[in-house]
N, C-alpha and C. Protein backbone atom coordinates (compact mmCIF):
# COMPACT_ATOMS: atom_id res chain seq x y z
N MET A 1 -6.51 3.44 0.78
CA MET A 1 -6.59 4.75 0.17
C MET A 1 -8.04 5.08 -0.16
N ALA A 2 -8.79 4.08 -0.61
CA ALA A 2 -10.19 4.32 -0.95
C ALA A 2 -10.98 4.72 0.29
N LEU A 3 -10.71 4.09 1.41
CA LEU A 3 -11.42 4.43 2.64
C LEU A 3 -11.08 5.85 3.10
N GLU A 4 -9.83 6.21 2.98
CA GLU A 4 -9.40 7.58 3.32
C GLU A 4 -10.07 8.59 2.41
N THR A 5 -10.07 8.31 1.12
CA THR A 5 -10.68 9.21 0.14
C THR A 5 -12.18 9.37 0.38
N ALA A 6 -12.81 8.28 0.82
CA ALA A 6 -14.26 8.32 1.09
C ALA A 6 -14.59 9.05 2.39
N GLY A 7 -13.57 9.39 3.18
CA GLY A 7 -13.79 10.14 4.40
C GLY A 7 -14.03 9.28 5.63
N LEU A 8 -13.75 7.99 5.53
CA LEU A 8 -13.93 7.10 6.68
C LEU A 8 -12.87 7.42 7.72
N PRO A 9 -13.25 7.56 8.98
CA PRO A 9 -12.25 7.86 10.01
C PRO A 9 -11.34 6.66 10.26
N VAL A 10 -10.11 6.95 10.63
CA VAL A 10 -9.14 5.90 10.90
C VAL A 10 -9.63 4.97 12.01
N SER A 11 -10.42 5.48 12.91
CA SER A 11 -10.92 4.68 14.03
C SER A 11 -11.99 3.67 13.61
N ASP A 12 -12.54 3.80 12.42
CA ASP A 12 -13.59 2.89 11.94
C ASP A 12 -13.06 1.46 11.85
N GLU A 13 -13.92 0.49 12.19
CA GLU A 13 -13.52 -0.91 12.19
C GLU A 13 -13.04 -1.38 10.81
N ALA A 14 -13.71 -0.95 9.76
CA ALA A 14 -13.31 -1.35 8.40
C ALA A 14 -11.93 -0.79 8.06
N TYR A 15 -11.67 0.43 8.46
CA TYR A 15 -10.37 1.06 8.21
C TYR A 15 -9.27 0.28 8.94
N GLN A 16 -9.52 -0.04 10.21
CA GLN A 16 -8.55 -0.78 11.00
C GLN A 16 -8.31 -2.18 10.44
N LYS A 17 -9.36 -2.79 9.91
CA LYS A 17 -9.22 -4.11 9.29
C LYS A 17 -8.31 -4.00 8.06
N GLY A 18 -8.44 -2.93 7.29
CA GLY A 18 -7.57 -2.71 6.13
C GLY A 18 -6.13 -2.51 6.54
N VAL A 19 -5.90 -1.75 7.60
CA VAL A 19 -4.54 -1.54 8.11
C VAL A 19 -3.92 -2.87 8.54
N LYS A 20 -4.69 -3.67 9.26
CA LYS A 20 -4.18 -4.98 9.71
C LYS A 20 -3.86 -5.87 8.52
N TYR A 21 -4.71 -5.83 7.49
CA TYR A 21 -4.45 -6.64 6.29
C TYR A 21 -3.14 -6.22 5.64
N LEU A 22 -2.95 -4.91 5.47
CA LEU A 22 -1.72 -4.44 4.84
C LEU A 22 -0.49 -4.86 5.64
N LEU A 23 -0.56 -4.71 6.95
CA LEU A 23 0.59 -5.08 7.78
C LEU A 23 0.84 -6.58 7.75
N SER A 24 -0.21 -7.37 7.65
CA SER A 24 -0.03 -8.83 7.65
C SER A 24 0.46 -9.37 6.30
N THR A 25 0.30 -8.60 5.23
CA THR A 25 0.73 -9.07 3.91
C THR A 25 2.03 -8.43 3.45
N GLN A 26 2.61 -7.58 4.28
CA GLN A 26 3.88 -6.97 3.93
C GLN A 26 4.98 -8.02 3.96
N GLN A 27 5.86 -8.00 2.97
CA GLN A 27 6.96 -8.96 2.86
C GLN A 27 8.09 -8.58 3.83
N GLU A 28 9.00 -9.51 4.08
CA GLU A 28 10.14 -9.28 4.96
C GLU A 28 10.96 -8.07 4.54
N ASP A 29 11.08 -7.86 3.21
CA ASP A 29 11.90 -6.75 2.71
C ASP A 29 11.17 -5.41 2.74
N GLY A 30 9.93 -5.41 3.21
CA GLY A 30 9.17 -4.17 3.32
C GLY A 30 8.23 -3.92 2.15
N SER A 31 8.30 -4.74 1.13
CA SER A 31 7.46 -4.56 -0.06
C SER A 31 6.17 -5.38 0.06
N TRP A 32 5.28 -5.17 -0.89
CA TRP A 32 4.08 -5.99 -1.04
C TRP A 32 4.15 -6.66 -2.41
N PHE A 33 3.83 -7.95 -2.45
CA PHE A 33 3.83 -8.68 -3.71
C PHE A 33 2.47 -8.57 -4.38
N VAL A 34 2.48 -8.17 -5.64
CA VAL A 34 1.26 -8.12 -6.46
C VAL A 34 1.57 -8.90 -7.73
N ARG A 35 0.76 -9.91 -8.02
CA ARG A 35 0.98 -10.70 -9.23
C ARG A 35 0.48 -9.93 -10.45
N SER A 36 1.31 -9.85 -11.46
CA SER A 36 0.95 -9.18 -12.70
C SER A 36 -0.06 -10.01 -13.48
N ARG A 37 -1.04 -9.33 -14.04
CA ARG A 37 -2.01 -10.01 -14.90
C ARG A 37 -1.83 -9.61 -16.36
N ALA A 38 -0.82 -8.78 -16.61
CA ALA A 38 -0.56 -8.31 -17.96
C ALA A 38 0.16 -9.38 -18.78
N MET A 39 -0.14 -9.42 -20.05
CA MET A 39 0.58 -10.31 -20.95
C MET A 39 1.98 -9.74 -21.18
N ALA A 40 2.94 -10.61 -21.31
CA ALA A 40 4.32 -10.18 -21.51
C ALA A 40 4.53 -9.74 -22.96
N LEU A 41 4.24 -8.48 -23.25
CA LEU A 41 4.41 -7.95 -24.60
C LEU A 41 5.78 -7.33 -24.81
N GLN A 42 6.36 -6.82 -23.73
CA GLN A 42 7.67 -6.19 -23.82
C GLN A 42 8.70 -7.09 -23.17
N PRO A 43 9.95 -6.98 -23.59
CA PRO A 43 11.00 -7.79 -22.95
C PRO A 43 11.11 -7.45 -21.47
N TYR A 44 11.40 -8.46 -20.67
CA TYR A 44 11.55 -8.27 -19.23
C TYR A 44 12.78 -7.41 -18.95
N PHE A 45 12.62 -6.45 -18.05
CA PHE A 45 13.72 -5.57 -17.65
C PHE A 45 13.72 -5.52 -16.13
N ASP A 46 14.82 -5.91 -15.52
CA ASP A 46 14.93 -5.94 -14.06
C ASP A 46 15.30 -4.56 -13.54
N SER A 47 14.44 -3.99 -12.73
CA SER A 47 14.70 -2.67 -12.16
C SER A 47 15.42 -2.74 -10.82
N GLY A 48 15.52 -3.97 -10.26
CA GLY A 48 16.15 -4.13 -8.96
C GLY A 48 15.13 -4.22 -7.83
N PHE A 49 13.86 -3.92 -8.11
CA PHE A 49 12.81 -4.08 -7.10
C PHE A 49 12.53 -5.58 -6.96
N PRO A 50 12.16 -6.04 -5.77
CA PRO A 50 11.89 -7.47 -5.59
C PRO A 50 10.72 -7.98 -6.44
N HIS A 51 10.60 -9.26 -6.55
CA HIS A 51 9.47 -9.98 -7.15
C HIS A 51 9.59 -10.21 -8.65
N GLY A 52 10.81 -10.14 -9.19
CA GLY A 52 11.06 -10.56 -10.57
C GLY A 52 10.11 -9.97 -11.59
N PHE A 53 9.48 -10.86 -12.38
CA PHE A 53 8.58 -10.42 -13.45
C PHE A 53 7.45 -9.52 -12.94
N ASP A 54 7.06 -9.69 -11.69
CA ASP A 54 5.96 -8.92 -11.10
C ASP A 54 6.44 -7.64 -10.40
N GLN A 55 7.70 -7.27 -10.62
CA GLN A 55 8.25 -6.14 -9.86
C GLN A 55 7.58 -4.80 -10.16
N TRP A 56 7.14 -4.56 -11.38
CA TRP A 56 6.57 -3.25 -11.71
C TRP A 56 5.24 -3.03 -11.02
N ILE A 57 4.35 -4.01 -11.06
CA ILE A 57 3.06 -3.86 -10.39
C ILE A 57 3.24 -3.95 -8.88
N SER A 58 4.21 -4.72 -8.42
CA SER A 58 4.49 -4.80 -6.99
C SER A 58 5.02 -3.48 -6.46
N ALA A 59 5.81 -2.78 -7.25
CA ALA A 59 6.30 -1.45 -6.83
C ALA A 59 5.13 -0.49 -6.69
N ALA A 60 4.20 -0.53 -7.63
CA ALA A 60 3.02 0.34 -7.55
C ALA A 60 2.17 -0.02 -6.34
N GLY A 61 1.96 -1.32 -6.11
CA GLY A 61 1.18 -1.76 -4.95
C GLY A 61 1.85 -1.37 -3.64
N THR A 62 3.17 -1.47 -3.60
CA THR A 62 3.92 -1.06 -2.41
C THR A 62 3.75 0.43 -2.16
N ASN A 63 3.77 1.22 -3.23
CA ASN A 63 3.56 2.66 -3.07
C ASN A 63 2.20 2.96 -2.46
N TRP A 64 1.14 2.34 -3.00
CA TRP A 64 -0.22 2.58 -2.49
C TRP A 64 -0.35 2.11 -1.04
N ALA A 65 0.20 0.95 -0.72
CA ALA A 65 0.12 0.44 0.65
C ALA A 65 0.85 1.36 1.62
N THR A 66 2.00 1.86 1.23
CA THR A 66 2.78 2.77 2.07
C THR A 66 2.02 4.07 2.31
N ILE A 67 1.42 4.61 1.28
CA ILE A 67 0.63 5.84 1.43
C ILE A 67 -0.54 5.60 2.38
N ALA A 68 -1.25 4.48 2.18
CA ALA A 68 -2.40 4.18 3.03
C ALA A 68 -1.99 4.04 4.49
N LEU A 69 -0.89 3.35 4.75
CA LEU A 69 -0.44 3.19 6.14
C LEU A 69 0.04 4.52 6.73
N SER A 70 0.67 5.35 5.92
CA SER A 70 1.13 6.63 6.45
C SER A 70 -0.04 7.53 6.84
N LEU A 71 -1.15 7.42 6.11
CA LEU A 71 -2.33 8.21 6.44
C LEU A 71 -2.99 7.72 7.73
N ALA A 72 -2.75 6.47 8.09
CA ALA A 72 -3.32 5.90 9.31
C ALA A 72 -2.39 6.04 10.51
N ALA A 73 -1.20 6.56 10.29
CA ALA A 73 -0.21 6.69 11.37
C ALA A 73 -0.69 7.69 12.41
N PRO A 74 -0.40 7.45 13.68
CA PRO A 74 -0.87 8.34 14.75
C PRO A 74 -0.47 9.81 14.56
N ALA A 75 0.74 10.08 14.12
CA ALA A 75 1.16 11.48 13.94
C ALA A 75 0.31 12.16 12.88
N HIS A 76 -0.02 11.46 11.80
CA HIS A 76 -0.85 12.04 10.75
C HIS A 76 -2.26 12.26 11.23
N THR A 77 -2.83 11.30 11.92
CA THR A 77 -4.22 11.43 12.36
C THR A 77 -4.37 12.54 13.38
N ALA A 78 -3.35 12.76 14.23
CA ALA A 78 -3.40 13.86 15.19
C ALA A 78 -3.35 15.20 14.47
N THR A 79 -2.55 15.30 13.44
CA THR A 79 -2.45 16.54 12.66
C THR A 79 -3.77 16.84 11.96
N VAL A 80 -4.37 15.83 11.36
CA VAL A 80 -5.65 16.02 10.67
C VAL A 80 -6.74 16.40 11.66
N ALA A 81 -6.75 15.77 12.82
CA ALA A 81 -7.77 16.06 13.83
C ALA A 81 -7.66 17.50 14.34
N ASN A 82 -6.45 18.04 14.34
CA ASN A 82 -6.24 19.41 14.80
C ASN A 82 -6.41 20.42 13.66
N GLY A 83 -6.77 19.95 12.48
CA GLY A 83 -6.99 20.85 11.34
C GLY A 83 -5.74 21.40 10.72
N GLN A 84 -4.63 20.73 10.88
CA GLN A 84 -3.37 21.21 10.31
C GLN A 84 -3.03 20.45 9.06
């Protein structure tokens, strides 16, 4: 997302390296695991998202990864290139 926001083209080597990283770290269930660094101040509540105690930050990380990959998708890049 940072590379997209900075205006780096999808064809850039750094952008493609980021896409490959995201695809290689995606879990079997389609999510991304992010370890929580927050102290457990509130009681644990299971929302049903994978990764147990780390599910809330993992859900946020999965959202960001999904957005980043969708911006790199061929259909999106063709639309942006055509000014639509």
